Amino acid sequence: MCSNFQPIKPEQNPWVNQHFGCDLPDAPWQLETYPTYPAPFIYLENGKPKCELAQFGLVPHWAADKKKFGLRTYNARSETVAEKPSYRSAWKERQFGLAIMESFYEPNWETGKAIRWRIKRTDSAPVAVASIWERFIDKETGEIIFSFSMLTINAEGHPVMQHFHKPEDEKRSIVVLNEANYLPWLQANHDEARSLLQLAPNGFLICDAAPRNKK
């Protein structure tokens, strides 16, 4: 599970351009992302990758409280994504995208209390996470609502991701893709998408304690 991450920085625009042939948004975004915050997101428009700000926490068109709905839909379990009402339309329509970030955070309970840890790529390259998205015009406000949820899988036994969440809880992980799978994920059919939902290979991720600044 992941409810907090450090989004990609504007100075990483060359990386985005190299891998996707597009640019980061001109609009600003915050240094840390929490549910309902906007962050840079890659998706396909007319078959080509595009990067825009999207809200972290998927909002379906039928949501009653669209401003707060994303507080509980920022992660989607891969095992049930095709059936859950909040996610099934995005999955059915193959609206696959990538949340792009410097690192992400998870709570480590191994000392008996939750301490925030940072997870990032060993080579310090940006992280791209398999996600689904929704985009629609709110009939009441005329606002375009663009939002996403990151997919999660079981992480039991993974050398990095097994260290997080409460001891009694299932170990889960978001799906960190490698460069070779960026475009295949965006263009995938359902069977191909399922095959790409895998844990990061050994040595791909590292982690360290990063307690939240109380200020």
C-alpha atoms as a PDB file:
ATOM      1  CA  MET A   1       0.000   0.000   0.000  1.00  0.00           C
ATOM      2  CA  CYS A   2       1.164   3.542  -0.604  1.00  0.00           C
ATOM      3  CA  SER A   3      -0.508   6.755   0.563  1.00  0.00           C
ATOM      4  CA  ASN A   4       2.446   9.146   0.318  1.00  0.00           C
ATOM      5  CA  PHE A   5       5.167   9.667  -2.266  1.00  0.00           C
ATOM      6  CA  GLN A   6       7.715  12.180  -3.470  1.00  0.00           C
ATOM      7  CA  PRO A   7       6.682  13.094  -7.027  1.00  0.00           C
ATOM      8  CA  ILE A   8       9.134  13.578  -9.830  1.00  0.00           C
ATOM      9  CA  LYS A   9      10.854  16.983  -9.863  1.00  0.00           C
ATOM     10  CA  PRO A  10      10.699  19.494 -12.739  1.00  0.00           C
ATOM     11  CA  GLU A  11      14.440  19.079 -13.376  1.00  0.00           C
ATOM     12  CA  GLN A  12      13.716  15.457 -14.366  1.00  0.00           C
ATOM     13  CA  ASN A  13      11.932  16.626 -17.511  1.00  0.00           C
ATOM     14  CA  PRO A  14      14.759  15.249 -19.744  1.00  0.00           C
ATOM     15  CA  TRP A  15      14.072  11.778 -18.295  1.00  0.00           C
ATOM     16  CA  VAL A  16      10.366  12.111 -19.096  1.00  0.00           C
ATOM     17  CA  ASN A  17      11.128  13.323 -22.597  1.00  0.00           C
ATOM     18  CA  GLN A  18      13.605  10.502 -23.181  1.00  0.00           C
ATOM     19  CA  HIS A  19      11.242   7.714 -22.118  1.00  0.00           C
ATOM     20  CA  PHE A  20       7.872   9.075 -23.227  1.00  0.00           C
ATOM     21  CA  GLY A  21       8.504  11.801 -25.807  1.00  0.00           C
ATOM     22  CA  CYS A  22       6.499  14.371 -23.833  1.00  0.00           C
ATOM     23  CA  ASP A  23       7.156  16.986 -21.154  1.00  0.00           C
ATOM     24  CA  LEU A  24       6.197  17.482 -17.541  1.00  0.00           C
ATOM     25  CA  PRO A  25       3.249  19.855 -16.887  1.00  0.00           C
ATOM     26  CA  ASP A  26       3.878  23.586 -16.645  1.00  0.00           C
ATOM     27  CA  ALA A  27       1.659  23.895 -13.571  1.00  0.00           C
ATOM     28  CA  PRO A  28       3.359  23.476 -10.158  1.00  0.00           C
ATOM     29  CA  TRP A  29       2.864  20.545  -7.804  1.00  0.00           C
ATOM     30  CA  GLN A  30       3.796  19.937  -4.176  1.00  0.00           C
ATOM     31  CA  LEU A  31       7.019  18.306  -2.980  1.00  0.00           C
ATOM     32  CA  GLU A  32       5.106  15.434  -1.346  1.00  0.00           C
ATOM     33  CA  THR A  33       1.909  13.830  -2.581  1.00  0.00           C
ATOM     34  CA  TYR A  34      -0.937  12.564  -0.411  1.00  0.00           C
ATOM     35  CA  PRO A  35      -4.428  11.369  -1.441  1.00  0.00           C
ATOM     36  CA  THR A  36      -6.369  14.062  -3.365  1.00  0.00           C
ATOM     37  CA  TYR A  37      -3.145  15.972  -4.218  1.00  0.00           C
ATOM     38  CA  PRO A  38      -2.263  16.486  -7.898  1.00  0.00           C
ATOM     39  CA  ALA A  39       0.944  14.932  -9.238  1.00  0.00           C
ATOM     40  CA  PRO A  40       2.505  14.294 -12.677  1.00  0.00           C
ATOM     41  CA  PHE A  41       0.961  11.291 -14.417  1.00  0.00           C
ATOM     42  CA  ILE A  42       1.653   9.556 -17.740  1.00  0.00           C
ATOM     43  CA  TYR A  43      -1.187   8.182 -19.883  1.00  0.00           C
ATOM     44  CA  LEU A  44      -1.999   7.665 -23.553  1.00  0.00           C
ATOM     45  CA  GLU A  45      -3.885  10.258 -25.569  1.00  0.00           C
ATOM     46  CA  ASN A  46      -4.614   9.252 -29.151  1.00  0.00           C
ATOM     47  CA  GLY A  47      -2.092   6.477 -28.781  1.00  0.00           C
ATOM     48  CA  LYS A  48       0.781   8.709 -27.632  1.00  0.00           C
ATOM     49  CA  PRO A  49       2.141   9.244 -24.093  1.00  0.00           C
ATOM     50  CA  LYS A  50       1.151  12.485 -22.424  1.00  0.00           C
ATOM     51  CA  CYS A  51       1.978  13.882 -18.979  1.00  0.00           C
ATOM     52  CA  GLU A  52      -0.520  15.916 -16.971  1.00  0.00           C
ATOM     53  CA  LEU A  53      -1.301  16.589 -13.334  1.00  0.00           C
ATOM     54  CA  ALA A  54      -3.799  14.070 -11.984  1.00  0.00           C
ATOM     55  CA  GLN A  55      -5.319  13.647  -8.555  1.00  0.00           C
ATOM     56  CA  PHE A  56      -3.926  10.835  -6.409  1.00  0.00           C
ATOM     57  CA  GLY A  57      -7.008   8.780  -5.545  1.00  0.00           C
ATOM     58  CA  LEU A  58      -9.267   7.621  -8.342  1.00  0.00           C
ATOM     59  CA  VAL A  59     -12.661   9.339  -8.618  1.00  0.00           C
ATOM     60  CA  PRO A  60     -15.340   7.571 -10.707  1.00  0.00           C
ATOM     61  CA  HIS A  61     -17.899   9.752 -12.500  1.00  0.00           C
ATOM     62  CA  TRP A  62     -20.703   8.556 -10.192  1.00  0.00           C
ATOM     63  CA  ALA A  63     -18.973   9.545  -6.934  1.00  0.00           C
ATOM     64  CA  ALA A  64     -21.211  11.716  -4.747  1.00  0.00           C
ATOM     65  CA  ASP A  65     -18.456  13.544  -2.859  1.00  0.00           C
ATOM     66  CA  LYS A  66     -15.882  13.952  -5.604  1.00  0.00           C
ATOM     67  CA  LYS A  67     -13.540  16.108  -3.507  1.00  0.00           C
ATOM     68  CA  LYS A  68     -13.057  13.481  -0.789  1.00  0.00           C
ATOM     69  CA  PHE A  69     -13.654  10.228  -2.676  1.00  0.00           C
ATOM     70  CA  GLY A  70      -9.957   9.837  -3.490  1.00  0.00           C
ATOM     71  CA  LEU A  71      -9.084   9.606   0.204  1.00  0.00           C
ATOM     72  CA  ARG A  72      -9.985   5.903   0.065  1.00  0.00           C
ATOM     73  CA  THR A  73      -9.181   4.971  -3.556  1.00  0.00           C
ATOM     74  CA  TYR A  74      -5.495   5.786  -3.895  1.00  0.00           C
ATOM     75  CA  ASN A  75      -4.544   2.070  -4.084  1.00  0.00           C
ATOM     76  CA  ALA A  76      -6.402  -0.661  -5.984  1.00  0.00           C
ATOM     77  CA  ARG A  77      -5.856  -4.336  -5.188  1.00  0.00           C
ATOM     78  CA  SER A  78      -4.924  -6.111  -8.422  1.00  0.00           C
ATOM     79  CA  GLU A  79      -6.854  -9.219  -7.345  1.00  0.00           C
ATOM     80  CA  THR A  80     -10.187  -7.340  -7.267  1.00  0.00           C
ATOM     81  CA  VAL A  81      -9.647  -4.341  -9.542  1.00  0.00           C
ATOM     82  CA  ALA A  82     -11.875  -5.796 -12.278  1.00  0.00           C
ATOM     83  CA  GLU A  83     -14.825  -6.215  -9.884  1.00  0.00           C
ATOM     84  CA  LYS A  84     -14.725  -3.289  -7.451  1.00  0.00           C
ATOM     85  CA  PRO A  85     -17.211  -0.557  -8.489  1.00  0.00           C
ATOM     86  CA  SER A  86     -14.678   2.255  -8.002  1.00  0.00           C
ATOM     87  CA  TYR A  87     -12.106   0.709 -10.346  1.00  0.00           C
ATOM     88  CA  ARG A  88     -13.794  -1.703 -12.742  1.00  0.00           C
ATOM     89  CA  SER A  89     -14.616   0.844 -15.437  1.00  0.00           C
ATOM     90  CA  ALA A  90     -11.020   2.097 -15.629  1.00  0.00           C
ATOM     91  CA  TRP A  91      -9.750  -1.480 -15.764  1.00  0.00           C
ATOM     92  CA  LYS A  92     -12.344  -2.577 -18.363  1.00  0.00           C
ATOM     93  CA  GLU A  93     -11.475   0.364 -20.619  1.00  0.00           C
ATOM     94  CA  ARG A  94      -7.742  -0.400 -20.216  1.00  0.00           C
ATOM     95  CA  GLN A  95      -7.040   3.067 -18.886  1.00  0.00           C
ATOM     96  CA  PHE A  96      -3.520   2.212 -17.808  1.00  0.00           C
ATOM     97  CA  GLY A  97      -1.097   4.919 -16.736  1.00  0.00           C
ATOM     98  CA  LEU A  98       2.080   5.559 -14.764  1.00  0.00           C
ATOM     99  CA  ALA A  99       2.548   7.537 -11.577  1.00  0.00           C
ATOM    100  CA  ILE A 100       6.082   8.934 -11.794  1.00  0.00           C
ATOM    101  CA  MET A 101       8.023   9.782  -8.657  1.00  0.00           C
ATOM    102  CA  GLU A 102      11.401  10.098  -6.982  1.00  0.00           C
ATOM    103  CA  SER A 103      10.474   7.726  -4.152  1.00  0.00           C
ATOM    104  CA  PHE A 104       7.549   6.478  -2.113  1.00  0.00           C
ATOM    105  CA  TYR A 105       6.952   5.972   1.590  1.00  0.00           C
ATOM    106  CA  GLU A 106       5.658   3.125   3.742  1.00  0.00           C
ATOM    107  CA  PRO A 107       5.302   2.651   7.536  1.00  0.00           C
ATOM    108  CA  ASN A 108       7.803   0.296   9.175  1.00  0.00           C
ATOM    109  CA  TRP A 109       6.504  -1.248  12.430  1.00  0.00           C
ATOM    110  CA  GLU A 110       9.522  -3.412  13.250  1.00  0.00           C
ATOM    111  CA  THR A 111      10.418  -1.278  16.309  1.00  0.00           C
ATOM    112  CA  GLY A 112       6.864  -1.530  17.654  1.00  0.00           C
ATOM    113  CA  LYS A 113       5.721   1.847  16.353  1.00  0.00           C
ATOM    114  CA  ALA A 114       5.242   3.225  12.866  1.00  0.00           C
ATOM    115  CA  ILE A 115       8.298   4.927  11.365  1.00  0.00           C
ATOM    116  CA  ARG A 116       8.111   6.258   7.846  1.00  0.00           C
ATOM    117  CA  TRP A 117      10.623   4.714   5.441  1.00  0.00           C
ATOM    118  CA  ARG A 118      11.559   5.848   1.946  1.00  0.00           C
ATOM    119  CA  ILE A 119      11.739   3.360  -0.943  1.00  0.00           C
ATOM    120  CA  LYS A 120      13.462   4.250  -4.185  1.00  0.00           C
ATOM    121  CA  ARG A 121      15.355   2.701  -7.066  1.00  0.00           C
ATOM    122  CA  THR A 122      18.878   1.530  -6.319  1.00  0.00           C
ATOM    123  CA  ASP A 123      20.184   3.596  -9.242  1.00  0.00           C
ATOM    124  CA  SER A 124      18.217   6.695  -8.061  1.00  0.00           C
ATOM    125  CA  ALA A 125      16.345   6.891 -11.392  1.00  0.00           C
ATOM    126  CA  PRO A 126      12.690   7.982 -11.203  1.00  0.00           C
ATOM    127  CA  VAL A 127      10.139   5.351 -10.210  1.00  0.00           C
ATOM    128  CA  ALA A 128       7.203   4.554 -12.517  1.00  0.00           C
ATOM    129  CA  VAL A 129       4.239   2.775 -10.920  1.00  0.00           C
ATOM    130  CA  ALA A 130       1.513   0.819 -12.727  1.00  0.00           C
ATOM    131  CA  SER A 131      -1.768   2.685 -12.277  1.00  0.00           C
ATOM    132  CA  ILE A 132      -5.302   3.080 -13.616  1.00  0.00           C
ATOM    133  CA  TRP A 133      -7.043   6.374 -14.285  1.00  0.00           C
ATOM    134  CA  GLU A 134     -10.390   8.093 -14.836  1.00  0.00           C
ATOM    135  CA  ARG A 135     -11.101  11.350 -16.630  1.00  0.00           C
ATOM    136  CA  PHE A 136     -14.476  13.057 -17.026  1.00  0.00           C
ATOM    137  CA  ILE A 137     -16.231  16.427 -16.901  1.00  0.00           C
ATOM    138  CA  ASP A 138     -18.184  17.061 -13.717  1.00  0.00           C
ATOM    139  CA  LYS A 139     -21.719  17.921 -14.869  1.00  0.00           C
ATOM    140  CA  GLU A 140     -22.306  20.165 -11.867  1.00  0.00           C
ATOM    141  CA  THR A 141     -19.148  22.271 -12.036  1.00  0.00           C
ATOM    142  CA  GLY A 142     -17.840  21.773 -15.583  1.00  0.00           C
ATOM    143  CA  GLU A 143     -14.481  20.820 -14.057  1.00  0.00           C
ATOM    144  CA  ILE A 144     -12.323  18.162 -15.702  1.00  0.00           C
ATOM    145  CA  ILE A 145     -11.582  15.555 -13.032  1.00  0.00           C
ATOM    146  CA  PHE A 146      -8.506  13.482 -13.843  1.00  0.00           C
ATOM    147  CA  SER A 147      -7.485  10.991 -11.174  1.00  0.00           C
ATOM    148  CA  PHE A 148      -5.561   7.764 -10.663  1.00  0.00           C
ATOM    149  CA  SER A 149      -5.013   4.817  -8.355  1.00  0.00           C
ATOM    150  CA  MET A 150      -1.835   2.754  -8.029  1.00  0.00           C
ATOM    151  CA  LEU A 151      -2.221  -1.017  -8.313  1.00  0.00           C
ATOM    152  CA  THR A 152      -0.977  -3.235  -5.486  1.00  0.00           C
ATOM    153  CA  ILE A 153       0.071  -6.883  -5.216  1.00  0.00           C
ATOM    154  CA  ASN A 154       1.033  -9.271  -2.429  1.00  0.00           C
ATOM    155  CA  ALA A 155       4.609  -8.667  -1.226  1.00  0.00           C
ATOM    156  CA  GLU A 156       5.211 -11.550   1.177  1.00  0.00           C
ATOM    157  CA  GLY A 157       8.898 -12.497   1.165  1.00  0.00           C
ATOM    158  CA  HIS A 158      10.084  -9.542  -0.922  1.00  0.00           C
ATOM    159  CA  PRO A 159      13.488  -8.391   0.437  1.00  0.00           C
ATOM    160  CA  VAL A 160      12.381  -4.752   0.661  1.00  0.00           C
ATOM    161  CA  MET A 161       8.588  -4.609   0.731  1.00  0.00           C
ATOM    162  CA  GLN A 162       8.154  -7.299   3.410  1.00  0.00           C
ATOM    163  CA  HIS A 163       9.348  -4.808   6.048  1.00  0.00           C
ATOM    164  CA  PHE A 164       6.290  -2.558   5.978  1.00  0.00           C
ATOM    165  CA  HIS A 165       2.840  -2.323   7.565  1.00  0.00           C
ATOM    166  CA  LYS A 166       1.653  -3.824  10.845  1.00  0.00           C
ATOM    167  CA  PRO A 167       2.844  -7.371  11.670  1.00  0.00           C
ATOM    168  CA  GLU A 168      -0.694  -8.752  11.489  1.00  0.00           C
ATOM    169  CA  ASP A 169      -1.467  -7.107   8.128  1.00  0.00           C
ATOM    170  CA  GLU A 170      -0.867  -8.586   4.695  1.00  0.00           C
ATOM    171  CA  LYS A 171       2.298  -7.312   3.066  1.00  0.00           C
ATOM    172  CA  ARG A 172       1.413  -5.345  -0.066  1.00  0.00           C
ATOM    173  CA  SER A 173       3.425  -3.418  -2.652  1.00  0.00           C
ATOM    174  CA  ILE A 174       2.727  -1.027  -5.472  1.00  0.00           C
ATOM    175  CA  VAL A 175       3.995  -2.248  -8.858  1.00  0.00           C
ATOM    176  CA  VAL A 176       7.298  -0.596  -9.783  1.00  0.00           C
ATOM    177  CA  LEU A 177       7.978  -1.173 -13.482  1.00  0.00           C
ATOM    178  CA  ASN A 178      11.329  -1.108 -15.268  1.00  0.00           C
ATOM    179  CA  GLU A 179      11.946   0.959 -18.382  1.00  0.00           C
ATOM    180  CA  ALA A 180      11.345  -1.918 -20.795  1.00  0.00           C
ATOM    181  CA  ASN A 181       7.757  -2.213 -19.529  1.00  0.00           C
ATOM    182  CA  TYR A 182       6.654   1.430 -19.561  1.00  0.00           C
ATOM    183  CA  LEU A 183       5.085   1.445 -23.024  1.00  0.00           C
ATOM    184  CA  PRO A 184       3.937  -2.199 -22.850  1.00  0.00           C
ATOM    185  CA  TRP A 185       1.977  -1.296 -19.717  1.00  0.00           C
ATOM    186  CA  LEU A 186       0.370   1.761 -21.297  1.00  0.00           C
ATOM    187  CA  GLN A 187      -0.602  -0.243 -24.390  1.00  0.00           C
ATOM    188  CA  ALA A 188      -1.473  -3.550 -22.680  1.00  0.00           C
ATOM    189  CA  ASN A 189      -4.547  -5.690 -23.114  1.00  0.00           C
ATOM    190  CA  HIS A 190      -5.912  -7.268 -19.952  1.00  0.00           C
ATOM    191  CA  ASP A 191      -3.835 -10.436 -20.132  1.00  0.00           C
ATOM    192  CA  GLU A 192      -0.665  -8.456 -20.822  1.00  0.00           C
ATOM    193  CA  ALA A 193      -1.452  -6.081 -17.972  1.00  0.00           C
ATOM    194  CA  ARG A 194      -1.901  -8.978 -15.547  1.00  0.00           C
ATOM    195  CA  SER A 195       1.461 -10.418 -16.582  1.00  0.00           C
ATOM    196  CA  LEU A 196       3.191  -7.117 -15.782  1.00  0.00           C
ATOM    197  CA  LEU A 197       1.835  -6.898 -12.238  1.00  0.00           C
ATOM    198  CA  GLN A 198       4.924  -8.273 -10.533  1.00  0.00           C
ATOM    199  CA  LEU A 199       7.177  -7.355  -7.631  1.00  0.00           C
ATOM    200  CA  ALA A 200      10.353  -5.440  -8.350  1.00  0.00           C
ATOM    201  CA  PRO A 201      13.306  -7.832  -8.852  1.00  0.00           C
ATOM    202  CA  ASN A 202      15.889  -8.277  -6.104  1.00  0.00           C
ATOM    203  CA  GLY A 203      18.322  -5.389  -6.027  1.00  0.00           C
ATOM    204  CA  PHE A 204      16.025  -2.992  -7.902  1.00  0.00           C
ATOM    205  CA  LEU A 205      14.819  -1.119  -4.797  1.00  0.00           C
ATOM    206  CA  ILE A 206      16.476   0.136  -1.625  1.00  0.00           C
ATOM    207  CA  CYS A 207      14.956   1.678   1.499  1.00  0.00           C
ATOM    208  CA  ASP A 208      15.910   3.775   4.508  1.00  0.00           C
ATOM    209  CA  ALA A 209      14.244   5.478   7.452  1.00  0.00           C
ATOM    210  CA  ALA A 210      12.739   8.869   6.568  1.00  0.00           C
ATOM    211  CA  PRO A 211      10.635  10.071   9.521  1.00  0.00           C
ATOM    212  CA  ARG A 212       8.125  12.750   8.665  1.00  0.00           C
ATOM    213  CA  ASN A 213       9.155  16.252   9.639  1.00  0.00           C
ATOM    214  CA  LYS A 214       6.860  17.200  12.535  1.00  0.00           C
ATOM    215  CA  LYS A 215       7.016  20.862  11.521  1.00  0.00           C
END
